[in-house]
Amino acid sequence: MTDYIEILIDLGYIVASILFIIGIKMLGKPERAQRGNLVSALGMLIAVVSALFECCLSFSLVIAGMVVGATIGVIAARTVKMTSMPQMVAILNGFGGLASLLVGWENYHSAPDSNLFITIAIFLAILIGGVAFSGSVIAYGKLSGRLSGKPIFFNGQQFVNATIIVAILLCGAIFAYNPAGSFSYVIFIVIIVLALVLGVLGVIPIGGADMPVVIALLNSYSGLAASAAGFIILNNVLIVAGALVGASGLILTGIMCKAMNRSLANVLFGGLQAAVSKEGTGEVQGEPHPISPEDAYYILEAAGSVVFVPGYGMAVAQAQHAVRELGDILEDNGAEVRYAIHPVAGRMPGHMNVLLAEANVLYDQLAEMDHVNPIMESIDVCVVIGANDVVNPAARETASSPIYGMPVINADKAKTVIVLKRSMAAGFAGVDNPLFVKENARMLFGDAKASLQQLVAEFKEA
């Protein structure tokens, strides 16, 4: 390889790294997020092309792999529903971890006499990659409904997890000391198996309501594993990209933990639900106050301020376009309209933001929880659309509740609350919601999309 080509490859890696940083920075603002994705994608394209010039693989084989992968990606992007996006993100995190594990595994065979630095990088790649892969598979199962969303506990669970961690570290030390020893491959396989088991045991005790935190953490794991893989193959851009994903994932995990009133330590040791009270939630006292779409119309027609609080039920009903249409009508009617977004509403970080952006809701109408709660008492009507746990006042009022201490949107403090739900069933956390029986709350039962369309029809007929 000539010096000229090497300079171009290094320049490509530098440009790609810069584009990654710019792209992630742009993702911090909703109005620039789409362009940030495109900038990051351009950086990845440059990185891949540069890597192709650096490696000695058959270009025809690489291109064939890219075509197959791109085809699968396009089909998935066009066919996966928004309600299935969280589990898709989970499984993609898992594939990233698996890829890093396989890079470490392949390098073990191709370079058995690696120095200590590379050996440690191999150990980290298979450890973090294995945990990310198996943990993501479990997360996918919980989010897709193939596995129970309830936390799974067994006696001595924390002791078993601690024992596995100690065993992994011990095997890692032996492997690093003598990677070419007669039993090194056996120890190598044991590390992989223990990493996969640890990923499973780390996610099963986490309840469905805490999945947004888990998704962010597993995303960070996949990035850290990729960075370790970059050190194995001495690829600068993979190191940088993995470090960026790992760091941004940890930051997002911290934000999610704050939103759930959990500690990062509880997440790392797989004990989100174990860390909260299990004394029982108590029964909700009172009867709901059901209303018809016509009754809801009269309440909204007289409102001067309206706050919509979307939740996973909106995603299930694909009601985001109907929400935006009703919001536009209310604005034309003279009402001030906002959309209050809880950080963990839905099944992954930013789930509600993506849905509302798809429906062309203006970014300046989106309000964070901390901004809308101080003014909630002055709001005429709060419309809760398929949200449950994120508006549950038990998080403030009931010390025995499993979600006690979790910051929630104070929908119950609005002058009137209209809750769109199919039934009185509990949310993903399995906790009853006293909001539904409060004196200022009205239940509009039925499919959220159909109910909103009926409200829109009432306004248009008026």
Protein backbone atom coordinates (compact mmCIF):
# COMPACT_ATOMS: atom_id res chain seq x y z
CA MET A 1 0.00 0.00 0.00
CA THR A 2 1.48 3.33 -1.06
CA ASP A 3 1.95 6.24 1.30
CA TYR A 4 -0.60 8.19 -0.76
CA ILE A 5 -3.30 5.59 -0.15
CA GLU A 6 -2.45 5.38 3.56
CA ILE A 7 -2.80 9.16 3.90
CA LEU A 8 -6.22 9.04 2.20
CA ILE A 9 -7.36 6.22 4.49
CA ASP A 10 -6.27 8.10 7.62
CA LEU A 11 -7.94 11.25 6.31
CA GLY A 12 -11.14 9.29 5.70
CA TYR A 13 -11.10 8.01 9.26
CA ILE A 14 -10.58 11.52 10.61
CA VAL A 15 -13.43 12.94 8.51
CA ALA A 16 -15.71 10.07 9.55
CA SER A 17 -14.93 10.63 13.24
CA ILE A 18 -15.68 14.33 12.94
CA LEU A 19 -18.98 13.60 11.19
CA PHE A 20 -19.93 11.15 13.97
CA ILE A 21 -19.34 13.82 16.60
CA ILE A 22 -21.29 16.45 14.63
CA GLY A 23 -24.12 13.99 14.00
CA ILE A 24 -24.47 13.08 17.68
CA LYS A 25 -24.38 16.76 18.60
CA MET A 26 -27.21 17.45 16.16
CA LEU A 27 -29.28 14.65 17.69
CA GLY A 28 -29.54 16.75 20.86
CA LYS A 29 -32.14 19.02 19.20
CA PRO A 30 -35.37 17.54 17.74
CA GLU A 31 -35.41 19.94 14.80
CA ARG A 32 -31.90 18.85 13.78
CA ALA A 33 -32.15 15.15 14.62
CA GLN A 34 -33.02 14.00 11.11
CA ARG A 35 -30.06 15.85 9.61
CA GLY A 36 -27.89 14.47 12.41
CA ASN A 37 -28.80 10.95 11.33
CA LEU A 38 -27.85 11.74 7.75
CA VAL A 39 -24.53 13.29 8.80
CA SER A 40 -23.70 10.24 10.92
CA ALA A 41 -24.71 7.91 8.08
CA LEU A 42 -22.37 9.80 5.73
CA GLY A 43 -19.58 9.41 8.28
CA MET A 44 -20.21 5.67 8.45
CA LEU A 45 -20.14 5.40 4.65
CA ILE A 46 -16.77 7.16 4.55
CA ALA A 47 -15.47 4.91 7.35
CA VAL A 48 -16.59 1.74 5.54
CA VAL A 49 -15.03 2.83 2.24
CA SER A 50 -11.78 3.71 4.00
CA ALA A 51 -11.74 0.34 5.75
CA LEU A 52 -12.29 -1.46 2.44
CA PHE A 53 -9.21 0.18 0.98
CA GLU A 54 -7.22 -0.76 4.08
CA CYS A 55 -8.19 -4.43 4.30
CA CYS A 56 -7.23 -7.23 1.98
CA LEU A 57 -10.65 -8.85 1.64
CA SER A 58 -12.28 -9.60 -1.67
CA PHE A 59 -14.23 -6.53 -2.74
CA SER A 60 -16.89 -8.71 -4.37
CA LEU A 61 -17.50 -10.52 -1.07
CA VAL A 62 -17.67 -7.26 0.87
CA ILE A 63 -20.02 -5.65 -1.63
CA ALA A 64 -22.26 -8.73 -1.58
CA GLY A 65 -22.45 -8.50 2.21
CA MET A 66 -23.28 -4.79 2.04
CA VAL A 67 -26.05 -5.41 -0.49
CA VAL A 68 -27.59 -8.16 1.64
CA GLY A 69 -27.33 -6.08 4.81
CA ALA A 70 -28.74 -2.95 3.14
CA THR A 71 -31.65 -4.95 1.73
CA ILE A 72 -32.51 -6.34 5.15
CA GLY A 73 -32.21 -2.85 6.66
CA VAL A 74 -34.50 -1.25 4.08
CA ILE A 75 -37.12 -3.97 4.46
CA ALA A 76 -37.01 -3.70 8.25
CA ALA A 77 -37.22 0.11 8.17
CA ARG A 78 -40.26 0.04 5.91
CA THR A 79 -42.16 -2.85 7.47
CA VAL A 80 -41.51 -2.61 11.21
CA LYS A 81 -44.34 -0.72 12.91
CA MET A 82 -43.62 2.14 15.29
CA THR A 83 -45.02 0.03 18.13
CA SER A 84 -42.32 -2.56 17.35
CA MET A 85 -39.49 -0.05 17.12
CA PRO A 86 -38.29 -0.54 20.74
CA GLN A 87 -37.74 -4.27 20.27
CA MET A 88 -36.06 -3.59 16.93
CA VAL A 89 -33.65 -1.21 18.65
CA ALA A 90 -33.04 -3.85 21.33
CA ILE A 91 -32.17 -6.57 18.84
CA LEU A 92 -29.94 -4.21 16.83
CA ASN A 93 -28.03 -3.46 20.04
CA GLY A 94 -27.67 -7.20 20.45
CA PHE A 95 -26.32 -7.67 16.94
CA GLY A 96 -23.72 -4.96 17.63
CA GLY A 97 -22.57 -6.81 20.73
CA LEU A 98 -22.51 -10.13 18.87
CA ALA A 99 -20.40 -8.62 16.06
CA SER A 100 -17.81 -7.41 18.58
CA LEU A 101 -17.78 -10.82 20.27
CA LEU A 102 -17.16 -12.52 16.93
CA VAL A 103 -14.33 -10.08 16.13
CA GLY A 104 -12.64 -11.03 19.40
CA TRP A 105 -13.24 -14.73 18.77
CA GLU A 106 -11.79 -14.57 15.26
CA ASN A 107 -8.75 -12.63 16.43
CA TYR A 108 -8.07 -15.25 19.10
CA HIS A 109 -7.64 -17.82 16.34
CA SER A 110 -5.85 -15.60 13.82
CA ALA A 111 -3.40 -14.04 16.30
CA PRO A 112 -2.83 -16.48 19.19
CA ASP A 113 0.41 -14.76 20.22
CA SER A 114 -1.10 -11.30 20.74
CA ASN A 115 0.48 -8.97 23.27
CA LEU A 116 -1.12 -8.22 26.64
CA PHE A 117 -2.92 -5.10 25.40
CA ILE A 118 -4.64 -6.93 22.54
CA THR A 119 -5.44 -9.88 24.81
CA ILE A 120 -7.20 -7.59 27.28
CA ALA A 121 -9.08 -5.96 24.39
CA ILE A 122 -10.22 -9.42 23.22
CA PHE A 123 -11.40 -10.23 26.75
CA LEU A 124 -13.38 -6.97 27.00
CA ALA A 125 -14.91 -7.42 23.53
CA ILE A 126 -16.23 -10.90 24.24
CA LEU A 127 -17.33 -10.00 27.78
CA ILE A 128 -19.19 -6.77 26.98
CA GLY A 129 -20.35 -8.06 23.59
CA GLY A 130 -21.71 -11.26 25.14
CA VAL A 131 -23.59 -9.39 27.87
CA ALA A 132 -24.99 -6.91 25.32
CA PHE A 133 -26.12 -9.71 23.00
CA SER A 134 -27.88 -11.99 25.47
CA GLY A 135 -29.26 -9.06 27.47
CA SER A 136 -30.68 -7.52 24.30
CA VAL A 137 -32.30 -10.80 23.31
CA ILE A 138 -34.09 -10.92 26.68
CA ALA A 139 -35.07 -7.25 26.33
CA TYR A 140 -36.42 -8.01 22.85
CA GLY A 141 -38.47 -10.89 24.27
CA LYS A 142 -39.94 -8.72 27.03
CA LEU A 143 -40.77 -5.82 24.71
CA SER A 144 -42.30 -8.02 22.01
CA GLY A 145 -44.42 -9.98 24.48
CA ARG A 146 -42.64 -13.27 23.79
CA LEU A 147 -41.42 -13.20 27.39
CA SER A 148 -43.24 -11.93 30.44
CA GLY A 149 -42.67 -8.26 31.09
CA LYS A 150 -42.73 -8.88 34.85
CA PRO A 151 -39.45 -8.98 36.78
CA ILE A 152 -38.15 -12.50 37.42
CA PHE A 153 -36.48 -13.21 40.77
CA PHE A 154 -35.09 -16.31 42.42
CA ASN A 155 -33.43 -16.97 45.76
CA GLY A 156 -29.78 -15.97 45.88
CA GLN A 157 -29.99 -14.08 42.58
CA GLN A 158 -27.59 -11.32 43.55
CA PHE A 159 -25.15 -13.87 44.96
CA VAL A 160 -25.25 -15.84 41.70
CA ASN A 161 -24.62 -12.68 39.68
CA ALA A 162 -21.70 -11.71 41.92
CA THR A 163 -20.24 -15.22 41.66
CA ILE A 164 -20.42 -15.11 37.86
CA ILE A 165 -18.71 -11.72 37.78
CA VAL A 166 -15.90 -12.97 40.03
CA ALA A 167 -15.53 -16.10 37.89
CA ILE A 168 -15.34 -14.01 34.70
CA LEU A 169 -12.66 -11.75 36.17
CA LEU A 170 -10.67 -14.75 37.40
CA CYS A 171 -10.88 -16.49 34.01
CA GLY A 172 -9.97 -13.20 32.32
CA ALA A 173 -6.84 -12.86 34.47
CA ILE A 174 -5.78 -16.43 33.66
CA PHE A 175 -6.45 -15.88 29.96
CA ALA A 176 -4.50 -12.60 29.88
CA TYR A 177 -1.56 -14.17 31.73
CA ASN A 178 -1.22 -17.10 29.31
CA PRO A 179 -3.44 -16.72 26.21
CA ALA A 180 -1.54 -19.45 24.35
CA GLY A 181 -1.66 -22.03 27.14
CA SER A 182 -3.00 -25.55 26.72
CA PHE A 183 -6.27 -24.73 28.51
CA SER A 184 -6.58 -21.16 27.21
CA TYR A 185 -9.26 -21.98 24.66
CA VAL A 186 -11.36 -23.78 27.26
CA ILE A 187 -11.12 -20.73 29.50
CA PHE A 188 -11.92 -18.50 26.51
CA ILE A 189 -15.14 -20.45 25.85
CA VAL A 190 -16.02 -20.37 29.55
CA ILE A 191 -15.74 -16.56 29.50
CA ILE A 192 -18.09 -16.38 26.52
CA VAL A 193 -20.65 -18.68 28.17
CA LEU A 194 -20.51 -16.80 31.48
CA ALA A 195 -20.87 -13.44 29.68
CA LEU A 196 -23.99 -14.69 27.89
CA VAL A 197 -25.44 -16.02 31.16
CA LEU A 198 -24.67 -12.73 32.92
CA GLY A 199 -26.52 -10.80 30.22
CA VAL A 200 -29.61 -12.94 30.74
CA LEU A 201 -29.50 -12.76 34.55
CA GLY A 202 -28.88 -9.02 34.40
CA VAL A 203 -32.07 -8.28 32.45
CA ILE A 204 -34.64 -10.81 33.70
CA PRO A 205 -35.14 -9.06 37.08
CA ILE A 206 -36.00 -5.80 35.33
CA GLY A 207 -39.69 -5.08 34.85
CA GLY A 208 -41.23 -3.90 31.61
CA ALA A 209 -41.77 -0.35 32.85
CA ASP A 210 -38.00 0.05 33.28
CA MET A 211 -37.16 -1.13 29.76
CA PRO A 212 -36.28 2.37 28.45
CA VAL A 213 -33.41 2.43 30.95
CA VAL A 214 -32.28 -1.03 29.87
CA ILE A 215 -32.39 -0.11 26.17
CA ALA A 216 -30.14 2.90 26.81
CA LEU A 217 -27.72 0.84 28.89
CA LEU A 218 -27.50 -2.01 26.37
CA ASN A 219 -26.89 0.54 23.63
CA SER A 220 -23.94 1.80 25.67
CA TYR A 221 -22.66 -1.76 26.11
CA SER A 222 -22.75 -2.39 22.37
CA GLY A 223 -20.71 0.80 21.81
CA LEU A 224 -18.11 -0.13 24.42
CA ALA A 225 -17.81 -3.61 22.89
CA ALA A 226 -17.29 -2.05 19.45
CA SER A 227 -14.59 0.21 20.86
CA ALA A 228 -12.81 -2.82 22.34
CA ALA A 229 -13.07 -4.53 18.94
CA GLY A 230 -11.47 -1.44 17.42
CA PHE A 231 -8.45 -1.87 19.70
CA ILE A 232 -8.22 -5.52 18.66
CA ILE A 233 -7.99 -4.75 14.93
CA LEU A 234 -6.28 -1.38 15.52
CA ASN A 235 -8.99 0.56 13.67
CA ASN A 236 -9.11 4.16 14.87
CA VAL A 237 -12.56 5.03 13.58
CA LEU A 238 -14.12 1.97 15.24
CA ILE A 239 -12.50 2.98 18.52
CA VAL A 240 -13.86 6.52 18.21
CA ALA A 241 -17.35 5.47 17.07
CA GLY A 242 -17.64 2.84 19.80
CA ALA A 243 -16.48 5.28 22.46
CA LEU A 244 -19.02 7.87 21.29
CA VAL A 245 -21.88 5.37 21.40
CA GLY A 246 -20.73 4.05 24.77
CA ALA A 247 -20.43 7.50 26.32
CA SER A 248 -23.68 8.86 24.87
CA GLY A 249 -25.48 5.68 25.94
CA LEU A 250 -24.24 6.08 29.51
CA ILE A 251 -25.34 9.72 29.56
CA LEU A 252 -28.77 8.73 28.27
CA THR A 253 -28.92 5.96 30.87
CA GLY A 254 -28.26 8.54 33.56
CA ILE A 255 -31.09 10.72 32.23
CA MET A 256 -33.43 7.72 32.17
CA CYS A 257 -32.43 6.74 35.72
CA LYS A 258 -33.21 10.25 36.92
CA ALA A 259 -36.58 10.11 35.19
CA MET A 260 -37.34 6.78 36.91
CA ASN A 261 -35.82 7.82 40.26
CA ARG A 262 -33.42 4.89 40.05
CA SER A 263 -29.67 4.75 40.64
CA LEU A 264 -27.19 3.76 37.95
CA ALA A 265 -25.75 1.17 40.35
CA ASN A 266 -29.12 -0.60 40.46
CA VAL A 267 -29.19 -0.72 36.67
CA LEU A 268 -25.64 -2.03 36.36
CA PHE A 269 -26.31 -4.83 38.83
CA GLY A 270 -29.67 -5.76 37.37
CA GLY A 271 -31.82 -4.77 40.31
CA LEU A 272 -34.14 -1.98 39.26
CA GLN A 273 -37.22 -3.64 40.58
CA ALA A 274 -35.40 -5.29 43.46
CA ALA A 275 -34.44 -1.89 44.79
CA VAL A 276 -38.02 -0.70 45.29
CA SER A 277 -40.65 -1.63 47.81
CA LYS A 278 -42.58 -4.85 47.37
CA GLU A 279 -45.13 -4.19 50.11
CA GLY A 280 -48.01 -4.02 47.65
CA THR A 281 -49.69 -1.12 46.00
CA GLY A 282 -53.01 -1.20 47.75
CA GLU A 283 -56.37 -1.13 46.00
CA VAL A 284 -57.64 1.99 44.30
CA GLN A 285 -60.74 3.24 46.06
CA GLY A 286 -63.54 4.82 44.03
CA GLU A 287 -65.39 4.48 40.76
CA PRO A 288 -64.38 5.84 37.33
CA HIS A 289 -66.45 8.53 35.62
CA PRO A 290 -66.97 7.44 31.98
CA ILE A 291 -67.97 9.98 29.36
CA SER A 292 -68.92 9.92 25.69
CA PRO A 293 -67.03 11.63 22.84
CA GLU A 294 -69.83 14.21 22.74
CA ASP A 295 -69.33 15.05 26.42
CA ALA A 296 -65.57 15.28 25.88
CA TYR A 297 -66.18 17.64 22.96
CA TYR A 298 -68.08 20.11 25.15
CA ILE A 299 -65.27 20.06 27.73
CA LEU A 300 -62.57 20.66 25.13
CA GLU A 301 -64.57 23.24 23.19
CA ALA A 302 -64.67 25.48 26.26
CA ALA A 303 -61.00 24.98 27.16
CA GLY A 304 -58.50 27.82 26.92
CA SER A 305 -55.47 25.58 27.52
CA VAL A 306 -54.98 21.90 26.72
CA VAL A 307 -52.08 19.54 27.42
CA PHE A 308 -51.83 16.18 25.66
CA VAL A 309 -49.90 13.45 27.47
CA PRO A 310 -49.11 10.60 25.04
CA GLY A 311 -48.15 7.09 26.12
CA TYR A 312 -47.62 3.64 24.69
CA GLY A 313 -51.36 3.30 24.05
CA MET A 314 -51.08 6.08 21.47
CA ALA A 315 -48.38 4.09 19.70
CA VAL A 316 -50.46 0.91 19.77
CA ALA A 317 -53.49 2.70 18.32
CA GLN A 318 -51.32 4.63 15.81
CA ALA A 319 -53.23 7.70 16.98
CA GLN A 320 -50.50 10.32 16.61
CA HIS A 321 -51.98 11.83 13.43
CA ALA A 322 -55.43 12.08 15.04
CA VAL A 323 -53.83 13.74 18.08
CA ARG A 324 -52.15 16.34 15.90
CA GLU A 325 -55.39 16.98 13.96
CA LEU A 326 -57.34 17.52 17.18
CA GLY A 327 -54.57 19.75 18.50
CA ASP A 328 -54.71 21.91 15.36
CA ILE A 329 -58.49 22.23 15.71
CA LEU A 330 -58.19 23.25 19.35
CA GLU A 331 -55.63 25.90 18.43
CA ASP A 332 -57.95 27.27 15.75
CA ASN A 333 -60.60 27.35 18.46
CA GLY A 334 -58.38 29.64 20.54
CA ALA A 335 -56.84 27.14 22.96
CA GLU A 336 -53.16 27.00 23.85
CA VAL A 337 -51.98 23.46 23.09
CA ARG A 338 -48.93 21.64 24.45
CA TYR A 339 -47.71 18.05 24.32
CA ALA A 340 -46.14 16.89 27.59
CA ILE A 341 -43.46 14.23 27.06
CA HIS A 342 -42.27 12.04 29.91
CA PRO A 343 -38.66 10.82 29.38
CA VAL A 344 -39.66 7.16 29.67
CA ALA A 345 -43.09 7.24 28.03
CA GLY A 346 -43.37 4.34 25.60
CA ARG A 347 -40.87 1.52 25.40
CA MET A 348 -37.66 3.32 24.50
CA PRO A 349 -36.10 6.78 24.97
CA GLY A 350 -37.70 9.34 22.66
CA HIS A 351 -40.52 7.01 21.58
CA MET A 352 -43.25 9.65 21.88
CA ASN A 353 -41.09 12.36 20.30
CA VAL A 354 -40.58 10.20 17.21
CA LEU A 355 -44.30 9.46 16.89
CA LEU A 356 -45.33 13.10 17.20
CA ALA A 357 -42.60 14.20 14.80
CA GLU A 358 -43.97 11.66 12.32
CA ALA A 359 -47.35 13.43 12.65
CA ASN A 360 -45.67 16.84 12.03
CA VAL A 361 -46.31 18.21 15.52
CA LEU A 362 -44.25 21.38 15.90
CA TYR A 363 -41.17 20.98 18.08
CA ASP A 364 -41.90 24.12 20.09
CA GLN A 365 -45.19 22.54 21.24
CA LEU A 366 -43.37 19.68 22.94
CA ALA A 367 -42.91 20.29 26.67
CA GLU A 368 -40.70 18.34 29.04
CA MET A 369 -42.10 17.08 32.32
CA ASP A 370 -40.19 19.63 34.40
CA HIS A 371 -41.58 22.47 32.31
CA VAL A 372 -45.23 21.45 32.28
CA ASN A 373 -45.66 20.29 35.91
CA PRO A 374 -45.32 23.77 37.47
CA ILE A 375 -48.19 25.09 35.32
CA MET A 376 -50.43 22.01 35.38
CA GLU A 377 -52.83 23.49 37.97
CA SER A 378 -53.62 26.30 35.53
CA ILE A 379 -54.37 23.94 32.63
CA ASP A 380 -58.05 23.64 31.76
CA VAL A 381 -57.92 20.14 30.27
CA CYS A 382 -55.22 17.47 30.31
CA VAL A 383 -55.83 14.73 27.74
CA VAL A 384 -54.02 11.49 28.64
CA ILE A 385 -53.71 9.23 25.59
CA GLY A 386 -52.79 5.67 26.46
CA ALA A 387 -50.38 6.74 29.21
CA ASN A 388 -50.52 5.07 32.60
CA ASP A 389 -47.44 4.76 34.81
CA VAL A 390 -46.01 8.15 33.77
CA VAL A 391 -49.14 9.97 35.08
CA ASN A 392 -49.77 7.77 38.12
CA PRO A 393 -50.13 9.98 41.24
CA ALA A 394 -49.31 6.93 43.40
CA ALA A 395 -45.68 7.73 42.57
CA ARG A 396 -46.14 10.87 44.69
CA GLU A 397 -48.74 9.80 47.22
CA THR A 398 -48.39 6.07 48.03
CA ALA A 399 -45.17 5.13 49.80
CA SER A 400 -45.87 1.40 49.41
CA SER A 401 -46.21 1.63 45.63
CA PRO A 402 -43.44 0.00 43.55
CA ILE A 403 -43.17 3.24 41.56
CA TYR A 404 -43.09 5.54 44.59
CA GLY A 405 -40.59 8.35 44.08
CA MET A 406 -40.66 8.11 40.29
CA PRO A 407 -41.14 11.61 38.81
CA VAL A 408 -44.43 11.70 36.90
CA ILE A 409 -46.42 14.22 34.91
CA ASN A 410 -48.93 15.71 37.34
CA ALA A 411 -51.93 15.26 35.05
CA ASP A 412 -54.26 14.89 38.05
CA LYS A 413 -53.62 18.52 39.04
CA ALA A 414 -55.24 19.90 35.87
CA LYS A 415 -58.74 21.32 36.25
CA THR A 416 -60.14 18.45 34.18
CA VAL A 417 -58.47 15.24 33.01
CA ILE A 418 -59.75 13.21 30.07
CA VAL A 419 -58.16 9.75 29.95
CA LEU A 420 -58.35 7.76 26.73
CA LYS A 421 -57.97 4.04 27.47
CA ARG A 422 -59.44 0.76 26.34
CA SER A 423 -60.12 -0.36 29.91
CA MET A 424 -59.17 0.18 33.54
CA ALA A 425 -56.27 -2.28 33.22
CA ALA A 426 -52.98 -1.42 34.91
CA GLY A 427 -50.00 -0.21 32.90
CA PHE A 428 -46.77 -1.99 32.01
CA ALA A 429 -45.57 -1.75 35.62
CA GLY A 430 -48.68 -3.62 36.78
CA VAL A 431 -49.65 -0.83 39.19
CA ASP A 432 -53.22 0.46 39.56
CA ASN A 433 -53.67 4.16 38.82
CA PRO A 434 -55.77 6.25 41.25
CA LEU A 435 -55.92 9.04 38.65
CA PHE A 436 -58.70 7.13 36.89
CA VAL A 437 -61.11 7.53 39.82
CA LYS A 438 -60.31 11.09 40.87
CA GLU A 439 -63.18 13.59 40.90
CA ASN A 440 -61.69 15.71 38.12
CA ALA A 441 -60.97 12.73 35.84
CA ARG A 442 -63.21 11.48 33.05
CA MET A 443 -62.64 8.16 31.28
CA LEU A 444 -63.21 8.01 27.51
CA PHE A 445 -63.08 4.28 26.92
CA GLY A 446 -62.28 2.74 23.54
CA ASP A 447 -59.59 2.73 20.88
CA ALA A 448 -57.62 5.97 21.19
CA LYS A 449 -57.51 6.64 17.46
CA ALA A 450 -61.24 6.04 17.03
CA SER A 451 -62.07 8.22 20.05
CA LEU A 452 -59.92 11.08 18.77
CA GLN A 453 -61.44 10.82 15.32
CA GLN A 454 -64.90 11.07 16.88
CA LEU A 455 -63.81 14.20 18.74
CA VAL A 456 -62.48 15.69 15.51
CA ALA A 457 -65.79 14.88 13.83
CA GLU A 458 -67.71 16.61 16.65
CA PHE A 459 -65.67 19.80 16.13
CA LYS A 460 -66.14 19.72 12.36
CA GLU A 461 -69.90 19.23 12.68
CA ALA A 462 -70.27 22.09 15.16
